Amino acid sequence: MVGLALLARAICTGNRFMKQILTTIAVWFDSWKAKESEDDRIDWVRVFPFVVMHLACLAIFAVGVSPAAVIVAIALYALRMFAITAFYHRYFSHRSFVTSRPIQFLFAALGASSVQRGPLWWAAHHRRHHRYSDESQDSHSPRHGFWHSHLGWFLNRRNLRTRTEEVNELLRYPELVWLDRFDLVVPIFLACLCLLAGTLMEVFAPGLGTNGPQILVWGFFVSTVILYHATFTINSLAHRLGSQRFPTRDDSRNNFFLALLTFGEGWHNNHHRYPGSVRQGFRWWEIDMTYYLLRMMSSVGLVWDLRGVPARLRGRQR
């Protein structure tokens, strides 16, 4: 009887474990199946694709390298970094400018291709970050530990759900909701596109010395992983390294190197002083590529009503 009881308990435990795994896998394909949770533990099943992305970079030793592959990797890094900084951040999170619905969708899709979840999830968590910056309720404050702020926070169960209550005005766009729910579709499409592009280069431009697997590895995996960690430094390093021009209530810093790496996001203390500004480099020498590109888009009517920084706020320094 004792043996049967132990067997029954083992079966129940196994069933619960399998149910948890299947639930997590379901969330891979429809992120809105994620439930509200107060669990800060890492969801190791969900971490698996993130680990695979990094391990896939080791394939560079199998596929080799070519100038074409490196150029594609750099181009996709730059394009997707701009989509994250200009649209995921300055547009969806802070509404610092206005654009049309087609442009909104185009750059939301490009942002989704960076494998940093959907636009609603990203904007919702970022708005919450500003509300509780470096307080106990801030999901990715370095005060909770460097690795937690860099990547641990989005791998745990607590922050898996899209906090739709934070982005009510964006829920009226079904195309954005779709991108957010099925946030793996666009990255998979980009990976397939890289493979196809490399194959076509091999066939029609053999002089480039590249092929499908090489463009897939460099253009998708390597480019995406570098993009990951460049973006993540704003949550971790930009609250630790650099100068504080303004007396904000948090640990935000201005960091020239991070600003170069992230197209202007490194002017983080400036940003926390006035989050609604489309411009984060307040001084002429504070390079802000995202702002320059948005100004170019504004000049041809693709975006408009760019919000600047009030002079009265610019002048209040430590």
Protein backbone atom coordinates (compact mmCIF):
# COMPACT_ATOMS: atom_id res chain seq x y z
CA MET A 1 0.00 0.00 0.00
CA VAL A 2 2.84 2.36 0.85
CA GLY A 3 4.42 1.63 -2.52
CA LEU A 4 1.17 2.41 -4.33
CA ALA A 5 0.83 5.66 -2.42
CA LEU A 6 4.36 6.71 -3.35
CA LEU A 7 3.71 5.76 -6.98
CA ALA A 8 0.49 7.80 -7.01
CA ARG A 9 2.30 10.78 -5.51
CA ALA A 10 5.08 10.49 -8.10
CA ILE A 11 2.51 10.36 -10.91
CA CYS A 12 0.70 13.44 -9.55
CA THR A 13 4.01 15.32 -9.22
CA GLY A 14 4.99 14.30 -12.74
CA ASN A 15 1.62 15.40 -14.09
CA ARG A 16 1.94 18.81 -12.45
CA PHE A 17 5.46 19.19 -13.84
CA MET A 18 4.36 18.24 -17.36
CA LYS A 19 1.40 20.60 -17.10
CA GLN A 20 3.76 23.43 -16.14
CA ILE A 21 6.06 22.64 -19.07
CA LEU A 22 3.14 22.49 -21.53
CA THR A 23 1.75 25.75 -20.17
CA THR A 24 5.11 27.45 -20.63
CA ILE A 25 5.46 26.08 -24.16
CA ALA A 26 1.96 27.38 -24.96
CA VAL A 27 3.10 30.83 -23.84
CA TRP A 28 5.97 30.62 -26.35
CA PHE A 29 3.37 30.70 -29.11
CA ASP A 30 0.71 32.92 -27.49
CA SER A 31 2.26 35.16 -24.85
CA TRP A 32 -1.13 36.35 -23.66
CA LYS A 33 -1.71 32.94 -22.11
CA ALA A 34 0.70 34.00 -19.36
CA LYS A 35 -1.00 34.37 -15.99
CA GLU A 36 -0.53 36.94 -13.24
CA SER A 37 2.22 35.77 -10.93
CA GLU A 38 4.18 37.02 -7.92
CA ASP A 39 6.85 34.35 -8.46
CA ASP A 40 10.32 35.88 -8.88
CA ARG A 41 11.98 32.58 -9.73
CA ILE A 42 13.48 32.04 -13.19
CA ASP A 43 11.20 30.08 -15.51
CA TRP A 44 13.83 27.64 -16.81
CA VAL A 45 11.63 26.16 -19.53
CA ARG A 46 11.01 29.61 -20.94
CA VAL A 47 14.73 30.42 -20.70
CA PHE A 48 15.54 27.59 -23.13
CA PRO A 49 15.00 29.58 -26.39
CA PHE A 50 17.03 32.48 -24.95
CA VAL A 51 19.92 30.10 -24.25
CA VAL A 52 19.60 28.59 -27.73
CA MET A 53 19.93 32.07 -29.28
CA HIS A 54 23.30 32.46 -27.57
CA LEU A 55 24.54 28.94 -28.31
CA ALA A 56 23.62 29.38 -31.98
CA CYS A 57 26.24 32.15 -32.20
CA LEU A 58 28.91 29.47 -31.80
CA ALA A 59 27.93 28.28 -35.27
CA ILE A 60 30.15 31.05 -36.67
CA PHE A 61 32.99 28.53 -36.35
CA ALA A 62 31.10 26.18 -38.67
CA VAL A 63 29.76 28.67 -41.23
CA GLY A 64 32.75 31.02 -41.31
CA VAL A 65 32.57 34.73 -42.02
CA SER A 66 32.45 37.03 -45.03
CA PRO A 67 32.18 40.80 -45.54
CA ALA A 68 28.61 40.31 -46.77
CA ALA A 69 27.61 38.46 -43.59
CA VAL A 70 29.13 41.13 -41.34
CA ILE A 71 27.44 43.92 -43.31
CA VAL A 72 24.05 42.19 -43.00
CA ALA A 73 24.62 41.73 -39.24
CA ILE A 74 25.51 45.40 -38.75
CA ALA A 75 22.59 46.58 -40.90
CA LEU A 76 20.06 44.46 -39.00
CA TYR A 77 21.54 45.61 -35.68
CA ALA A 78 21.18 49.26 -36.67
CA LEU A 79 17.69 48.92 -38.15
CA ARG A 80 16.32 47.04 -35.17
CA MET A 81 18.10 49.23 -32.61
CA PHE A 82 16.37 52.23 -34.18
CA ALA A 83 13.02 50.42 -34.06
CA ILE A 84 13.53 49.70 -30.35
CA THR A 85 14.82 53.15 -29.34
CA ALA A 86 12.57 55.30 -31.53
CA PHE A 87 9.35 53.31 -31.51
CA TYR A 88 9.26 50.76 -28.68
CA HIS A 89 10.77 53.34 -26.33
CA ARG A 90 10.16 56.93 -27.39
CA TYR A 91 6.89 56.32 -29.24
CA PHE A 92 4.98 53.42 -27.63
CA SER A 93 6.30 53.96 -24.10
CA HIS A 94 6.42 57.77 -23.95
CA ARG A 95 4.35 59.05 -26.88
CA SER A 96 7.02 61.65 -27.64
CA PHE A 97 5.91 62.07 -31.26
CA VAL A 98 3.04 61.21 -33.59
CA THR A 99 2.98 58.99 -36.67
CA SER A 100 0.56 57.23 -39.00
CA ARG A 101 -0.92 53.82 -38.36
CA PRO A 102 1.06 52.09 -41.17
CA ILE A 103 4.40 53.50 -39.90
CA GLN A 104 3.39 52.57 -36.36
CA PHE A 105 2.81 48.96 -37.44
CA LEU A 106 5.94 48.76 -39.62
CA PHE A 107 8.27 49.79 -36.81
CA ALA A 108 6.38 47.73 -34.25
CA ALA A 109 7.06 44.70 -36.47
CA LEU A 110 10.72 45.66 -36.85
CA GLY A 111 10.95 46.02 -33.08
CA ALA A 112 9.32 42.62 -32.62
CA SER A 113 11.99 41.11 -34.89
CA SER A 114 14.58 41.98 -32.22
CA VAL A 115 13.14 39.16 -30.06
CA GLN A 116 12.51 41.51 -27.13
CA ARG A 117 8.82 40.60 -26.88
CA GLY A 118 5.96 42.62 -28.36
CA PRO A 119 5.43 46.41 -28.34
CA LEU A 120 2.70 46.37 -25.68
CA TRP A 121 4.69 44.17 -23.29
CA TRP A 122 7.78 46.36 -23.75
CA ALA A 123 5.95 49.68 -23.33
CA ALA A 124 3.93 48.47 -20.32
CA HIS A 125 6.97 47.35 -18.37
CA HIS A 126 8.88 50.49 -19.29
CA ARG A 127 6.11 52.78 -18.09
CA ARG A 128 6.05 50.90 -14.82
CA HIS A 129 9.85 51.31 -14.59
CA HIS A 130 9.50 55.08 -14.74
CA ARG A 131 6.72 55.10 -12.16
CA TYR A 132 8.80 53.15 -9.63
CA SER A 133 12.33 53.84 -10.88
CA ASP A 134 14.90 52.20 -8.58
CA GLU A 135 12.26 51.48 -5.96
CA SER A 136 11.21 48.03 -4.75
CA GLN A 137 8.48 47.80 -7.41
CA ASP A 138 10.87 48.57 -10.26
CA SER A 139 11.26 45.26 -12.11
CA HIS A 140 14.79 45.88 -13.35
CA SER A 141 16.54 48.18 -10.92
CA PRO A 142 20.25 47.35 -10.40
CA ARG A 143 19.53 47.74 -6.70
CA HIS A 144 18.11 44.21 -6.99
CA GLY A 145 21.45 43.01 -8.45
CA PHE A 146 23.30 43.58 -11.72
CA TRP A 147 22.32 40.31 -13.43
CA HIS A 148 18.71 40.69 -12.36
CA SER A 149 18.54 44.15 -13.94
CA HIS A 150 20.41 43.02 -17.05
CA LEU A 151 18.40 39.91 -17.90
CA GLY A 152 17.01 38.04 -14.88
CA TRP A 153 13.94 40.24 -14.55
CA PHE A 154 12.37 39.28 -17.90
CA LEU A 155 13.14 35.58 -17.44
CA ASN A 156 11.09 35.21 -14.27
CA ARG A 157 7.39 34.40 -14.00
CA ARG A 158 6.38 37.73 -12.44
CA ASN A 159 7.19 39.77 -15.55
CA LEU A 160 6.00 37.34 -18.20
CA ARG A 161 2.50 38.77 -18.59
CA THR A 162 1.78 41.84 -20.73
CA ARG A 163 0.46 44.44 -18.28
CA THR A 164 -2.36 45.59 -20.55
CA GLU A 165 -3.66 47.95 -17.88
CA GLU A 166 -0.56 50.10 -18.48
CA VAL A 167 -1.16 50.50 -22.23
CA ASN A 168 -4.94 50.84 -22.56
CA GLU A 169 -4.72 53.32 -25.44
CA LEU A 170 -2.73 50.82 -27.55
CA LEU A 171 -5.25 48.00 -27.18
CA ARG A 172 -7.50 49.57 -29.81
CA TYR A 173 -5.03 48.54 -32.52
CA PRO A 174 -5.68 44.84 -33.28
CA GLU A 175 -2.49 44.59 -35.35
CA LEU A 176 -0.41 45.63 -32.31
CA VAL A 177 -2.27 43.19 -30.08
CA TRP A 178 -1.56 40.43 -32.62
CA LEU A 179 2.16 41.28 -32.73
CA ASP A 180 2.25 41.25 -28.95
CA ARG A 181 0.39 37.96 -28.54
CA PHE A 182 2.31 36.05 -31.18
CA ASP A 183 5.69 37.66 -30.62
CA LEU A 184 7.70 34.79 -32.11
CA VAL A 185 6.15 35.06 -35.58
CA VAL A 186 8.19 38.05 -36.79
CA PRO A 187 11.56 36.76 -35.47
CA ILE A 188 10.96 33.40 -37.14
CA PHE A 189 10.06 35.21 -40.35
CA LEU A 190 13.28 37.26 -40.16
CA ALA A 191 15.37 34.12 -39.57
CA CYS A 192 13.80 32.49 -42.64
CA LEU A 193 14.37 35.66 -44.64
CA CYS A 194 18.06 35.65 -43.68
CA LEU A 195 18.40 32.03 -44.75
CA LEU A 196 16.64 32.74 -48.06
CA ALA A 197 18.70 35.90 -48.72
CA GLY A 198 21.95 34.06 -48.11
CA THR A 199 20.89 31.22 -50.41
CA LEU A 200 20.02 33.70 -53.18
CA MET A 201 23.37 35.45 -52.72
CA GLU A 202 25.16 32.13 -53.09
CA VAL A 203 23.31 31.37 -56.31
CA PHE A 204 23.18 34.79 -57.98
CA ALA A 205 26.23 36.54 -56.47
CA PRO A 206 28.77 33.80 -55.68
CA GLY A 207 31.53 36.40 -55.60
CA LEU A 208 30.21 37.56 -52.22
CA GLY A 209 31.45 34.31 -50.73
CA THR A 210 28.43 33.74 -48.52
CA ASN A 211 25.48 31.35 -48.23
CA GLY A 212 22.20 30.76 -46.42
CA PRO A 213 23.50 29.31 -43.13
CA GLN A 214 26.17 32.02 -42.85
CA ILE A 215 23.70 34.89 -43.29
CA LEU A 216 21.31 33.17 -40.86
CA VAL A 217 23.97 32.86 -38.16
CA TRP A 218 25.47 36.35 -38.56
CA GLY A 219 22.40 38.29 -39.68
CA PHE A 220 19.97 36.79 -37.21
CA PHE A 221 21.65 35.07 -34.26
CA VAL A 222 24.84 37.12 -33.79
CA SER A 223 23.15 40.44 -34.60
CA THR A 224 20.24 39.70 -32.26
CA VAL A 225 22.38 38.63 -29.31
CA ILE A 226 24.57 41.75 -29.59
CA LEU A 227 21.38 43.82 -29.85
CA TYR A 228 20.05 42.08 -26.73
CA HIS A 229 22.94 43.00 -24.52
CA ALA A 230 23.39 46.51 -25.90
CA THR A 231 19.75 47.24 -25.05
CA PHE A 232 19.98 45.54 -21.65
CA THR A 233 22.89 47.77 -20.58
CA ILE A 234 20.48 50.69 -20.26
CA ASN A 235 18.66 48.86 -17.47
CA SER A 236 21.86 47.74 -15.76
CA LEU A 237 24.93 49.88 -16.54
CA ALA A 238 23.09 53.16 -17.21
CA HIS A 239 21.93 53.12 -13.60
CA ARG A 240 25.48 52.51 -12.33
CA LEU A 241 28.13 54.06 -14.59
CA GLY A 242 28.31 57.67 -15.69
CA SER A 243 27.45 61.16 -14.53
CA GLN A 244 24.26 62.63 -13.06
CA ARG A 245 23.51 66.08 -14.46
CA PHE A 246 20.05 66.29 -12.92
CA PRO A 247 18.91 65.49 -9.36
CA THR A 248 16.42 62.76 -10.23
CA ARG A 249 15.01 60.46 -7.54
CA ASP A 250 16.76 57.43 -9.06
CA ASP A 251 20.27 56.25 -10.00
CA SER A 252 20.07 57.07 -13.72
CA ARG A 253 23.36 58.15 -15.36
CA ASN A 254 24.55 59.75 -18.58
CA ASN A 255 27.09 57.56 -20.35
CA PHE A 256 28.70 58.60 -23.66
CA PHE A 257 29.79 55.08 -24.65
CA LEU A 258 26.34 53.58 -24.01
CA ALA A 259 24.79 56.44 -25.98
CA LEU A 260 26.91 55.51 -29.02
CA LEU A 261 26.06 51.82 -28.63
CA THR A 262 22.32 52.40 -28.29
CA PHE A 263 21.73 55.35 -30.63
CA GLY A 264 21.25 57.89 -27.83
CA GLU A 265 19.69 55.87 -25.00
CA GLY A 266 22.82 56.27 -22.91
CA TRP A 267 21.82 59.84 -21.98
CA HIS A 268 19.73 58.15 -19.35
CA ASN A 269 19.83 60.77 -16.62
CA ASN A 270 18.59 63.31 -19.17
CA HIS A 271 15.81 60.92 -20.10
CA HIS A 272 14.72 60.38 -16.51
CA ARG A 273 14.67 64.14 -15.99
CA TYR A 274 12.16 64.57 -18.82
CA PRO A 275 10.93 61.20 -20.19
CA GLY A 276 8.49 62.78 -22.62
CA SER A 277 11.17 64.33 -24.82
CA VAL A 278 11.90 62.80 -28.21
CA ARG A 279 15.47 64.02 -27.72
CA GLN A 280 17.67 62.43 -25.05
CA GLY A 281 20.95 64.16 -25.89
CA PHE A 282 20.18 67.62 -24.48
CA ARG A 283 23.48 69.23 -25.48
CA TRP A 284 24.81 69.60 -29.02
CA TRP A 285 27.70 67.23 -28.28
CA GLU A 286 25.47 64.53 -26.78
CA ILE A 287 25.16 62.28 -29.81
CA ASP A 288 21.63 60.94 -30.23
CA MET A 289 21.29 59.03 -33.50
CA THR A 290 17.66 58.12 -32.81
CA TYR A 291 16.73 61.79 -32.57
CA TYR A 292 18.61 62.68 -35.74
CA LEU A 293 16.85 59.92 -37.68
CA LEU A 294 13.45 60.95 -36.31
CA ARG A 295 14.16 64.53 -37.42
CA MET A 296 14.89 63.20 -40.91
CA MET A 297 11.63 61.24 -40.89
CA SER A 298 9.83 64.35 -39.70
CA SER A 299 11.23 66.37 -42.60
CA VAL A 300 9.46 64.07 -45.08
CA GLY A 301 6.23 63.79 -43.10
CA LEU A 302 6.59 60.25 -41.73
CA VAL A 303 6.45 61.46 -38.11
CA TRP A 304 5.41 64.78 -36.63
CA ASP A 305 4.76 66.74 -33.42
CA LEU A 306 8.16 65.83 -31.94
CA ARG A 307 8.15 66.86 -28.29
CA GLY A 308 11.21 68.79 -27.18
CA VAL A 309 12.67 69.58 -23.77
CA PRO A 310 11.36 72.70 -22.01
CA ALA A 311 14.18 75.21 -21.48
CA ARG A 312 13.23 75.57 -17.80
CA LEU A 313 13.92 71.85 -17.27
CA ARG A 314 17.12 71.77 -19.32
CA GLY A 315 18.63 74.38 -17.06
CA ARG A 316 18.08 72.64 -13.74
CA GLN A 317 21.34 70.85 -13.11
CA ARG A 318 23.18 69.66 -10.02
